[in-house]
């Protein structure tokens, strides 16, 4: 049986393991696993405004790791503020901060490692079809490299992350109410 992939992945290079990649975005399944919750519970919490800010890319719900960790630090005291609002609100610079955080953890450009579509899907949690199907890759504008006369497609995790963060949009709560409007209404 194949082991289940998580946000931290190792890859053997020249017989040695390279440092694990900690992709700074979690999908719903990864956050459920991290917190030992059912997807239904996490979805209900999201609809009630509980938990870290959620983002959409395509039909997928995503969570910036730095916002999850900030929520966890606040949650050590309580899961919900007295006003019933989520304790963690997305800062205006959250996406830029997440990019900078990842860039500080990665090796320099000359040490860049390229990954296949399947490896990139495991590391990022993005749908494999987005990475492996040329038409989807082109439609979405996902950055990739063509090697060996275009026969081999590879991805830079850093560039895919920058693309993803650029395309994230806030999840909406309830009947089309933006998260920010709901939070300011409850203030």
Protein backbone atom coordinates (compact mmCIF):
# COMPACT_ATOMS: atom_id res chain seq x y z
CA UNK A 1 0.00 0.00 0.00
CA UNK A 2 1.29 3.44 -0.97
CA UNK A 3 1.98 5.81 1.97
CA UNK A 4 -0.25 8.86 2.24
CA UNK A 5 1.44 12.10 1.17
CA UNK A 6 1.43 15.11 3.45
CA UNK A 7 2.66 18.72 3.28
CA UNK A 8 6.24 17.64 4.02
CA UNK A 9 7.84 15.54 1.30
CA UNK A 10 11.36 14.11 0.92
CA UNK A 11 12.96 13.24 -2.38
CA UNK A 12 16.12 11.24 -2.98
CA UNK A 13 18.70 13.05 -5.11
CA UNK A 14 21.95 11.31 -6.01
CA UNK A 15 21.29 8.71 -3.33
CA UNK A 16 20.78 11.31 -0.58
CA UNK A 17 17.60 12.78 0.82
CA UNK A 18 17.18 16.48 0.25
CA UNK A 19 15.61 18.62 2.98
CA UNK A 20 11.85 18.17 3.33
CA UNK A 21 9.64 20.63 1.49
CA UNK A 22 7.09 22.24 3.74
CA UNK A 23 4.55 23.70 1.32
CA UNK A 24 3.00 26.74 3.03
CA UNK A 25 -0.58 26.09 1.87
CA UNK A 26 -2.86 23.37 3.24
CA UNK A 27 -5.92 21.94 1.57
CA UNK A 28 -9.04 21.00 3.52
CA UNK A 29 -7.97 17.35 3.87
CA UNK A 30 -4.54 18.30 5.21
CA UNK A 31 -6.01 20.70 7.79
CA UNK A 32 -8.56 18.06 8.86
CA UNK A 33 -5.72 15.59 9.33
CA UNK A 34 -3.61 18.14 11.22
CA UNK A 35 -6.45 18.89 13.63
CA UNK A 36 -8.00 15.39 13.65
CA UNK A 37 -11.38 16.72 12.48
CA UNK A 38 -13.91 15.48 9.99
CA UNK A 39 -14.29 17.53 6.79
CA UNK A 40 -17.92 18.25 7.75
CA UNK A 41 -16.81 19.82 11.04
CA UNK A 42 -14.24 22.01 9.30
CA UNK A 43 -16.81 23.04 6.68
CA UNK A 44 -19.34 23.91 9.39
CA UNK A 45 -16.74 25.92 11.30
CA UNK A 46 -15.84 27.78 8.11
CA UNK A 47 -19.51 28.63 7.47
CA UNK A 48 -19.82 29.89 11.07
CA UNK A 49 -16.67 32.01 10.80
CA UNK A 50 -14.62 29.82 13.14
CA UNK A 51 -11.00 29.08 12.37
CA UNK A 52 -8.30 30.57 10.19
CA UNK A 53 -9.20 32.47 7.02
CA UNK A 54 -10.02 30.16 4.12
CA UNK A 55 -9.18 30.84 0.49
CA UNK A 56 -10.42 29.44 -2.82
CA UNK A 57 -8.44 28.48 -5.87
CA UNK A 58 -10.70 26.92 -8.46
CA UNK A 59 -13.11 24.79 -6.46
CA UNK A 60 -10.52 23.94 -3.81
CA UNK A 61 -10.47 25.44 -0.33
CA UNK A 62 -6.97 26.35 0.83
CA UNK A 63 -5.45 27.67 4.05
CA UNK A 64 -2.19 29.62 4.30
CA UNK A 65 0.01 27.75 6.78
CA UNK A 66 1.12 30.96 8.49
CA UNK A 67 -2.55 31.87 9.14
CA UNK A 68 -3.27 28.34 10.46
CA UNK A 69 -0.29 28.60 12.81
CA UNK A 70 -1.37 32.07 13.97
CA UNK A 71 -4.86 30.71 14.65
CA UNK A 72 -3.40 27.77 16.58
CA UNK A 73 -1.37 30.14 18.76
CA UNK A 74 -4.53 32.12 19.58
CA UNK A 75 -6.57 28.94 19.97
CA UNK A 76 -4.41 27.80 22.86
CA UNK A 77 -6.60 30.09 24.93
CA UNK A 78 -9.98 29.88 23.17
CA UNK A 79 -11.38 28.92 19.78
CA UNK A 80 -13.72 31.87 19.38
CA UNK A 81 -13.70 35.49 20.47
CA UNK A 82 -16.47 36.81 22.74
CA UNK A 83 -18.08 38.55 19.73
CA UNK A 84 -18.43 35.18 17.96
CA UNK A 85 -15.91 36.14 15.27
CA UNK A 86 -13.05 34.03 14.06
CA UNK A 87 -9.95 34.74 16.13
CA UNK A 88 -7.73 34.79 13.07
CA UNK A 89 -8.38 37.36 10.40
CA UNK A 90 -6.37 37.52 7.24
CA UNK A 91 -4.02 40.47 7.24
CA UNK A 92 -3.90 42.63 4.11
CA UNK A 93 -0.36 41.39 3.48
CA UNK A 94 -0.93 37.69 4.27
CA UNK A 95 -0.21 36.47 0.76
CA UNK A 96 2.97 38.53 0.41
CA UNK A 97 4.09 37.46 3.90
CA UNK A 98 3.53 33.79 2.98
CA UNK A 99 5.66 34.18 -0.15
CA UNK A 100 8.46 35.83 1.80
CA UNK A 101 8.31 33.13 4.48
CA UNK A 102 8.68 30.38 1.88
CA UNK A 103 11.50 32.15 0.05
CA UNK A 104 13.51 32.37 3.27
CA UNK A 105 13.28 28.57 3.70
CA UNK A 106 14.32 27.60 0.19
CA UNK A 107 17.82 27.25 -1.32
CA UNK A 108 19.19 29.80 -3.76
CA UNK A 109 18.15 29.84 -7.41
CA UNK A 110 21.25 27.96 -8.56
CA UNK A 111 20.23 25.06 -6.31
CA UNK A 112 16.70 24.94 -7.70
CA UNK A 113 15.14 21.51 -8.05
CA UNK A 114 12.46 20.79 -10.63
CA UNK A 115 9.62 18.36 -9.99
CA UNK A 116 7.30 16.33 -12.19
CA UNK A 117 3.58 17.12 -12.28
CA UNK A 118 2.81 14.16 -10.02
CA UNK A 119 5.47 15.16 -7.47
CA UNK A 120 4.29 18.77 -7.58
CA UNK A 121 0.68 17.66 -6.95
CA UNK A 122 1.81 15.64 -3.91
CA UNK A 123 3.85 18.55 -2.52
CA UNK A 124 1.28 21.28 -3.18
CA UNK A 125 -2.02 19.42 -2.87
CA UNK A 126 -3.17 20.97 -6.17
CA UNK A 127 -5.19 18.75 -8.53
CA UNK A 128 -2.90 16.53 -10.61
CA UNK A 129 -4.96 17.27 -13.73
CA UNK A 130 -4.06 20.97 -13.47
CA UNK A 131 -0.38 20.08 -13.67
CA UNK A 132 -0.36 17.12 -16.06
CA UNK A 133 -2.92 18.23 -18.67
CA UNK A 134 -1.41 20.78 -21.04
CA UNK A 135 -4.75 22.47 -21.77
CA UNK A 136 -5.52 22.98 -18.05
CA UNK A 137 -1.97 24.16 -17.31
CA UNK A 138 -2.21 26.71 -20.14
CA UNK A 139 -5.75 27.82 -19.20
CA UNK A 140 -4.79 28.42 -15.57
CA UNK A 141 -1.42 29.97 -16.40
CA UNK A 142 0.53 27.63 -14.11
CA UNK A 143 4.29 28.26 -14.59
CA UNK A 144 6.26 25.28 -15.90
CA UNK A 145 9.44 24.38 -17.76
CA UNK A 146 9.70 22.44 -21.02
CA UNK A 147 12.79 20.26 -21.13
CA UNK A 148 14.12 17.91 -23.82
CA UNK A 149 12.40 19.58 -26.78
CA UNK A 150 9.20 20.00 -24.79
CA UNK A 151 8.83 16.28 -24.07
CA UNK A 152 9.46 16.70 -20.34
CA UNK A 153 7.44 19.12 -18.22
CA UNK A 154 8.81 20.18 -14.83
CA UNK A 155 7.77 22.61 -12.12
CA UNK A 156 9.50 24.88 -9.63
CA UNK A 157 7.70 24.64 -6.28
CA UNK A 158 8.51 28.28 -5.54
CA UNK A 159 6.99 29.47 -8.81
CA UNK A 160 3.88 27.28 -8.41
CA UNK A 161 3.47 28.66 -4.88
CA UNK A 162 3.74 32.26 -6.11
CA UNK A 163 1.17 31.46 -8.83
CA UNK A 164 -1.19 29.89 -6.29
CA UNK A 165 -0.96 32.73 -3.79
CA UNK A 166 -1.58 35.23 -6.58
CA UNK A 167 -4.76 33.36 -7.59
CA UNK A 168 -6.21 32.73 -4.11
CA UNK A 169 -9.45 34.53 -3.36
CA UNK A 170 -11.22 34.71 0.00
CA UNK A 171 -13.89 32.11 0.71
CA UNK A 172 -17.37 33.43 1.17
CA UNK A 173 -19.56 32.55 4.14
CA UNK A 174 -23.28 31.88 3.90
CA UNK A 175 -25.35 33.24 1.01
CA UNK A 176 -22.64 35.21 -0.75
CA UNK A 177 -21.53 37.24 2.27
CA UNK A 178 -17.80 38.02 2.06
CA UNK A 179 -15.80 37.03 5.14
CA UNK A 180 -14.63 40.62 5.70
CA UNK A 181 -18.19 41.99 5.58
CA UNK A 182 -19.39 39.35 8.06
CA UNK A 183 -16.53 40.10 10.44
CA UNK A 184 -17.01 43.87 10.29
CA UNK A 185 -20.78 43.45 10.78
CA UNK A 186 -20.20 41.49 13.99
CA UNK A 187 -17.72 44.07 15.36
